Amino acid sequence: MYSSLIMLVAIFLFILIFYTILTARRRKDWRYSRLLNDSQKKRKELFVGLRSKAKKAGLNITQEYILGLMAAGMIGGFIAGYVITGTVLFALIFSICGIFIYKFIVNRRISGRVAAFNEGLATALDRLIHSLDAGLGVVQAVSAISKDQNINEFTRNIFVKVMEHVSSGSTISQALEDVGEEIDSPYLNILSVAIAVNANEGSDLVKVLTNIQNMLYDKKRFEEMINAKSAQGRLTAIMATGIVVVVFFMLRISSPLFMDPLIHTLAGNIVMIIIGVFTFVGYTLVNRIFRIKF
């Protein structure tokens, strides 16, 4: 009983030290400092950074939604931990790890929305190029994009926002820049600069837009190539992590006496925690190696 409590306290201390080091490193980033200042003005709000990131991607992530994910992850982690190890101590450890599943789920949704926007933007640029070739002005062409049902809803709503800014008195380039900053999209900022240069200097806007469109297509092809080439490495990381859990579970079922010292003694618990930490670190490092930001 005492050994279990000691191990649980040790896990809490490890998580606390890890979080403190991570936070100290992030404080050096000026963007985090600005976010910290904003969050201090909203002390009653939770998960400000993640919710702000989701809002830029057009997702309305509420505190209740995240708290629900944390509760589900905690319960699911406890059940999974108890099924795999058969002990309350490691069920609690799995439960603590399950609390953080909300970050993975929300970030996956954000990545999906960003990918959908980039895909829709390529289609929108194609419509814009054809509209300009047909003799329409930039504002009329963007207005037509905001009403085009063939473009996905999220991308279309972005251009609806652009037209709202234009109707309130902004120029089309300023409107694109403002909306680009709202959703943190470099491509809208590039589009804004291209239109502003065309208005002031008379450049070939169609050619510039074609180059931006080709850049989006090249980015997508490059992502697909990287994903294909790194598939084996990512699969190896998943299998190397999963096989530890599967083998442990199978041995616990088939040879409980053999696994008993590992589960019910302090030394065995320490060994299991060390194995778990190194497995997690290995999986994280392999994922970082194959994670490329475009």
Protein backbone atom coordinates (compact mmCIF):
# COMPACT_ATOMS: atom_id res chain seq x y z
CA MET A 1 0.00 0.00 0.00
CA TYR A 2 2.75 2.46 1.00
CA SER A 3 4.83 1.57 -2.03
CA SER A 4 1.87 2.33 -4.30
CA LEU A 5 1.39 5.72 -2.68
CA ILE A 6 5.09 6.50 -3.00
CA MET A 7 5.04 5.60 -6.68
CA LEU A 8 1.93 7.72 -7.28
CA VAL A 9 3.55 10.74 -5.58
CA ALA A 10 6.69 10.18 -7.66
CA ILE A 11 4.63 10.22 -10.86
CA PHE A 12 2.93 13.47 -9.86
CA LEU A 13 6.32 15.04 -9.09
CA PHE A 14 7.71 13.90 -12.44
CA ILE A 15 4.77 15.44 -14.32
CA LEU A 16 5.06 18.66 -12.30
CA ILE A 17 8.81 19.00 -12.98
CA PHE A 18 8.34 18.22 -16.69
CA TYR A 19 5.54 20.80 -17.01
CA THR A 20 7.60 23.42 -15.14
CA ILE A 21 10.60 22.94 -17.46
CA LEU A 22 8.37 23.06 -20.55
CA THR A 23 6.64 26.22 -19.36
CA ALA A 24 9.96 27.89 -18.57
CA ARG A 25 11.18 27.21 -22.09
CA ARG A 26 7.97 28.50 -23.65
CA ARG A 27 8.14 31.73 -21.66
CA LYS A 28 11.18 32.70 -23.71
CA ASP A 29 8.98 32.86 -26.80
CA TRP A 30 7.53 36.36 -27.27
CA ARG A 31 4.32 34.89 -28.69
CA TYR A 32 3.78 32.90 -25.52
CA SER A 33 4.51 36.00 -23.43
CA ARG A 34 1.87 37.94 -25.34
CA LEU A 35 -0.56 35.06 -24.95
CA LEU A 36 0.23 34.92 -21.23
CA ASN A 37 -0.57 38.63 -20.88
CA ASP A 38 -3.87 38.12 -22.68
CA SER A 39 -4.72 35.12 -20.54
CA GLN A 40 -4.04 37.07 -17.36
CA LYS A 41 -6.78 39.47 -18.43
CA LYS A 42 -9.13 36.49 -18.68
CA ARG A 43 -8.28 34.58 -15.53
CA LYS A 44 -11.69 32.94 -15.38
CA GLU A 45 -11.28 31.35 -18.81
CA LEU A 46 -9.57 28.00 -19.26
CA PHE A 47 -7.49 26.66 -22.16
CA VAL A 48 -7.16 30.16 -23.67
CA GLY A 49 -4.24 29.27 -25.96
CA LEU A 50 -5.75 26.12 -27.43
CA ARG A 51 -9.19 27.68 -27.84
CA SER A 52 -7.65 30.72 -29.56
CA LYS A 53 -5.78 28.44 -31.95
CA ALA A 54 -8.97 26.52 -32.67
CA LYS A 55 -10.92 29.74 -33.23
CA LYS A 56 -8.44 30.78 -35.92
CA ALA A 57 -9.21 27.50 -37.67
CA GLY A 58 -12.95 28.20 -37.46
CA LEU A 59 -13.67 25.78 -34.62
CA ASN A 60 -15.81 26.80 -31.67
CA ILE A 61 -14.13 24.82 -28.89
CA THR A 62 -15.77 25.48 -25.53
CA GLN A 63 -14.39 24.92 -22.05
CA GLU A 64 -17.13 22.35 -21.45
CA TYR A 65 -16.06 20.38 -24.55
CA ILE A 66 -12.42 20.22 -23.40
CA LEU A 67 -13.40 19.33 -19.83
CA GLY A 68 -15.60 16.57 -21.23
CA LEU A 69 -12.66 15.20 -23.25
CA MET A 70 -10.48 15.31 -20.14
CA ALA A 71 -13.08 13.41 -18.11
CA ALA A 72 -13.53 10.82 -20.87
CA GLY A 73 -9.75 10.42 -21.22
CA MET A 74 -9.35 10.02 -17.47
CA ILE A 75 -12.06 7.35 -17.25
CA GLY A 76 -10.86 5.57 -20.38
CA GLY A 77 -7.26 5.66 -19.15
CA PHE A 78 -8.25 4.19 -15.79
CA ILE A 79 -10.16 1.33 -17.45
CA ALA A 80 -7.36 0.64 -19.95
CA GLY A 81 -4.70 0.74 -17.24
CA TYR A 82 -6.63 -1.66 -15.00
CA VAL A 83 -7.31 -4.09 -17.85
CA ILE A 84 -3.66 -4.12 -18.95
CA THR A 85 -1.93 -4.22 -15.55
CA GLY A 86 -4.65 -5.36 -13.13
CA THR A 87 -3.50 -2.85 -10.48
CA VAL A 88 -5.10 0.33 -9.21
CA LEU A 89 -1.76 2.16 -9.09
CA PHE A 90 -1.06 1.85 -12.81
CA ALA A 91 -4.73 2.39 -13.59
CA LEU A 92 -4.35 5.77 -11.86
CA ILE A 93 -1.18 6.49 -13.85
CA PHE A 94 -2.99 5.68 -17.11
CA SER A 95 -5.84 7.86 -15.90
CA ILE A 96 -3.50 10.82 -15.38
CA CYS A 97 -2.06 10.34 -18.86
CA GLY A 98 -5.57 10.12 -20.31
CA ILE A 99 -6.36 13.61 -19.05
CA PHE A 100 -4.12 15.09 -21.76
CA ILE A 101 -5.85 13.28 -24.64
CA TYR A 102 -7.86 16.45 -25.31
CA LYS A 103 -4.77 18.15 -26.80
CA PHE A 104 -4.32 15.39 -29.35
CA ILE A 105 -8.01 15.42 -30.36
CA VAL A 106 -8.33 19.22 -30.65
CA ASN A 107 -5.02 19.58 -32.53
CA ARG A 108 -6.11 16.87 -34.96
CA ARG A 109 -9.32 18.77 -35.64
CA ILE A 110 -7.37 22.00 -36.14
CA SER A 111 -4.99 20.30 -38.59
CA GLY A 112 -7.95 18.95 -40.52
CA ARG A 113 -9.51 22.41 -40.84
CA VAL A 114 -6.21 23.97 -41.96
CA ALA A 115 -5.80 21.28 -44.62
CA ALA A 116 -9.40 21.83 -45.78
CA PHE A 117 -8.83 25.58 -46.00
CA ASN A 118 -5.65 25.20 -48.06
CA GLU A 119 -7.40 22.80 -50.42
CA GLY A 120 -10.38 25.15 -50.76
CA LEU A 121 -8.06 28.12 -51.25
CA ALA A 122 -6.45 26.44 -54.26
CA THR A 123 -9.91 26.00 -55.79
CA ALA A 124 -10.80 29.60 -54.90
CA LEU A 125 -7.65 30.88 -56.62
CA ASP A 126 -8.60 28.91 -59.73
CA ARG A 127 -12.01 30.62 -59.72
CA LEU A 128 -10.35 34.00 -59.14
CA ILE A 129 -7.95 33.53 -62.05
CA HIS A 130 -10.75 32.58 -64.44
CA SER A 131 -12.90 35.49 -63.27
CA LEU A 132 -10.07 37.98 -63.85
CA ASP A 133 -9.41 36.48 -67.28
CA ALA A 134 -13.11 36.96 -68.05
CA GLY A 135 -12.81 40.68 -67.28
CA LEU A 136 -14.25 40.92 -63.77
CA GLY A 137 -12.68 43.21 -61.18
CA VAL A 138 -10.95 41.84 -58.11
CA VAL A 139 -13.79 42.74 -55.74
CA GLN A 140 -16.41 41.20 -58.03
CA ALA A 141 -14.30 38.06 -58.42
CA VAL A 142 -13.83 37.67 -54.65
CA SER A 143 -17.57 38.28 -54.14
CA ALA A 144 -18.29 35.46 -56.61
CA ILE A 145 -15.97 33.14 -54.65
CA SER A 146 -17.85 33.90 -51.41
CA LYS A 147 -21.02 32.60 -53.09
CA ASP A 148 -19.52 29.59 -54.90
CA GLN A 149 -21.07 26.40 -53.50
CA ASN A 150 -18.33 24.25 -55.07
CA ILE A 151 -15.82 25.60 -52.53
CA ASN A 152 -15.88 24.00 -49.06
CA GLU A 153 -17.89 25.85 -46.43
CA PHE A 154 -14.97 26.93 -44.22
CA THR A 155 -13.02 28.51 -47.10
CA ARG A 156 -16.17 30.13 -48.46
CA ASN A 157 -16.94 31.65 -45.06
CA ILE A 158 -13.44 33.16 -44.97
CA PHE A 159 -14.16 35.02 -48.20
CA VAL A 160 -17.56 36.04 -46.81
CA LYS A 161 -15.62 37.68 -43.96
CA VAL A 162 -13.40 39.40 -46.51
CA MET A 163 -16.45 40.86 -48.26
CA GLU A 164 -17.85 42.00 -44.91
CA HIS A 165 -14.62 43.95 -44.32
CA VAL A 166 -14.88 45.42 -47.81
CA SER A 167 -18.50 46.47 -47.24
CA SER A 168 -17.41 48.24 -44.05
CA GLY A 169 -14.97 50.45 -45.98
CA SER A 170 -11.71 48.45 -46.21
CA THR A 171 -9.91 47.93 -49.48
CA ILE A 172 -9.84 44.38 -50.80
CA SER A 173 -6.11 44.00 -50.03
CA GLN A 174 -6.57 45.36 -46.49
CA ALA A 175 -9.56 43.07 -45.94
CA LEU A 176 -7.54 40.02 -47.04
CA GLU A 177 -4.67 41.04 -44.76
CA ASP A 178 -6.97 41.53 -41.76
CA VAL A 179 -8.75 38.20 -42.26
CA GLY A 180 -5.40 36.49 -42.90
CA GLU A 181 -4.17 37.71 -39.51
CA GLU A 182 -7.39 36.54 -37.86
CA ILE A 183 -7.00 32.97 -39.12
CA ASP A 184 -3.17 33.05 -39.18
CA SER A 185 -2.95 32.20 -42.90
CA PRO A 186 0.24 33.27 -44.74
CA TYR A 187 -1.42 32.58 -48.10
CA LEU A 188 -4.09 35.24 -47.61
CA ASN A 189 -1.35 37.69 -46.66
CA ILE A 190 0.53 36.82 -49.86
CA LEU A 191 -2.69 37.28 -51.83
CA SER A 192 -3.23 40.64 -50.13
CA VAL A 193 0.29 41.84 -51.06
CA ALA A 194 -0.17 40.66 -54.67
CA ILE A 195 -3.44 42.59 -55.06
CA ALA A 196 -1.97 45.70 -53.38
CA VAL A 197 1.08 45.65 -55.69
CA ASN A 198 -1.18 45.19 -58.70
CA ALA A 199 -3.31 48.17 -57.65
CA ASN A 200 -0.28 50.42 -57.12
CA GLU A 201 2.22 49.21 -59.71
CA GLY A 202 0.07 47.43 -62.30
CA SER A 203 1.70 43.97 -62.13
CA ASP A 204 0.40 40.84 -63.87
CA LEU A 205 -2.02 39.71 -61.16
CA VAL A 206 -3.15 36.58 -62.98
CA LYS A 207 0.44 35.33 -63.23
CA VAL A 208 1.08 36.05 -59.55
CA LEU A 209 -2.11 34.22 -58.53
CA THR A 210 -1.12 31.28 -60.71
CA ASN A 211 2.23 31.11 -58.90
CA ILE A 212 0.46 31.15 -55.50
CA GLN A 213 -1.85 28.37 -56.68
CA ASN A 214 1.11 26.31 -57.91
CA MET A 215 2.78 26.88 -54.52
CA LEU A 216 -0.27 25.40 -52.78
CA TYR A 217 -0.30 22.40 -55.11
CA ASP A 218 3.46 21.88 -54.66
CA LYS A 219 3.03 22.05 -50.88
CA LYS A 220 0.33 19.37 -51.01
CA ARG A 221 2.45 17.12 -53.25
CA PHE A 222 5.46 17.60 -50.98
CA GLU A 223 3.37 16.71 -47.90
CA GLU A 224 2.13 13.54 -49.62
CA MET A 225 5.68 12.60 -50.61
CA ILE A 226 7.01 13.15 -47.08
CA ASN A 227 4.10 11.16 -45.58
CA ALA A 228 4.77 8.31 -47.99
CA LYS A 229 8.52 8.24 -47.31
CA SER A 230 8.09 8.50 -43.54
CA ALA A 231 5.22 5.99 -43.29
CA GLN A 232 7.55 3.11 -42.38
CA GLY A 233 9.27 5.12 -39.62
CA ARG A 234 5.97 6.30 -38.13
CA LEU A 235 4.57 2.76 -38.28
CA THR A 236 7.71 1.47 -36.55
CA ALA A 237 7.19 3.97 -33.74
CA ILE A 238 3.57 2.88 -33.29
CA MET A 239 4.46 -0.81 -33.35
CA ALA A 240 7.42 -0.39 -30.98
CA THR A 241 5.14 1.37 -28.51
CA GLY A 242 2.16 -0.94 -28.91
CA ILE A 243 4.14 -4.16 -28.71
CA VAL A 244 5.30 -3.30 -25.18
CA VAL A 245 1.70 -2.98 -24.01
CA VAL A 246 0.50 -6.06 -25.92
CA VAL A 247 3.33 -8.32 -24.70
CA PHE A 248 2.87 -7.15 -21.11
CA PHE A 249 -0.88 -7.84 -21.26
CA MET A 250 -0.40 -11.29 -22.82
CA LEU A 251 2.21 -12.27 -20.24
CA ARG A 252 0.01 -11.07 -17.39
CA ILE A 253 -2.84 -13.25 -18.65
CA SER A 254 -0.79 -16.32 -19.58
CA SER A 255 1.82 -16.24 -16.76
CA PRO A 256 0.50 -14.22 -13.81
CA LEU A 257 3.04 -15.68 -11.36
CA PHE A 258 5.90 -14.70 -13.67
CA MET A 259 4.64 -11.10 -13.83
CA ASP A 260 3.69 -10.88 -10.15
CA PRO A 261 7.05 -9.43 -8.93
CA LEU A 262 6.91 -6.79 -11.65
CA ILE A 263 3.40 -5.66 -10.64
CA HIS A 264 3.29 -6.05 -6.86
CA THR A 265 6.76 -5.02 -5.71
CA LEU A 266 8.31 -1.55 -5.45
CA ALA A 267 11.35 -2.53 -7.52
CA GLY A 268 9.10 -4.03 -10.20
CA ASN A 269 6.97 -0.89 -10.28
CA ILE A 270 10.05 1.27 -10.72
CA VAL A 271 11.18 -0.92 -13.63
CA MET A 272 7.73 -0.67 -15.25
CA ILE A 273 7.69 3.10 -14.91
CA ILE A 274 11.19 3.40 -16.39
CA ILE A 275 10.13 1.21 -19.32
CA GLY A 276 6.99 3.30 -19.81
CA VAL A 277 8.91 6.60 -19.70
CA PHE A 278 11.54 5.43 -22.19
CA THR A 279 8.87 4.00 -24.48
CA PHE A 280 7.01 7.31 -24.44
CA VAL A 281 10.19 9.32 -25.00
CA GLY A 282 11.18 7.07 -27.90
CA TYR A 283 7.78 7.40 -29.54
CA THR A 284 7.87 11.19 -29.12
CA LEU A 285 11.37 11.51 -30.58
CA VAL A 286 10.54 9.38 -33.62
CA ASN A 287 7.43 11.46 -34.24
CA ARG A 288 9.45 14.66 -33.98
CA ILE A 289 11.97 13.36 -36.51
CA PHE A 290 9.23 12.78 -39.07
CA ARG A 291 7.19 15.89 -38.23
CA ILE A 292 7.82 18.57 -40.82
CA LYS A 293 6.15 21.98 -40.64
CA PHE A 294 5.32 23.51 -43.98
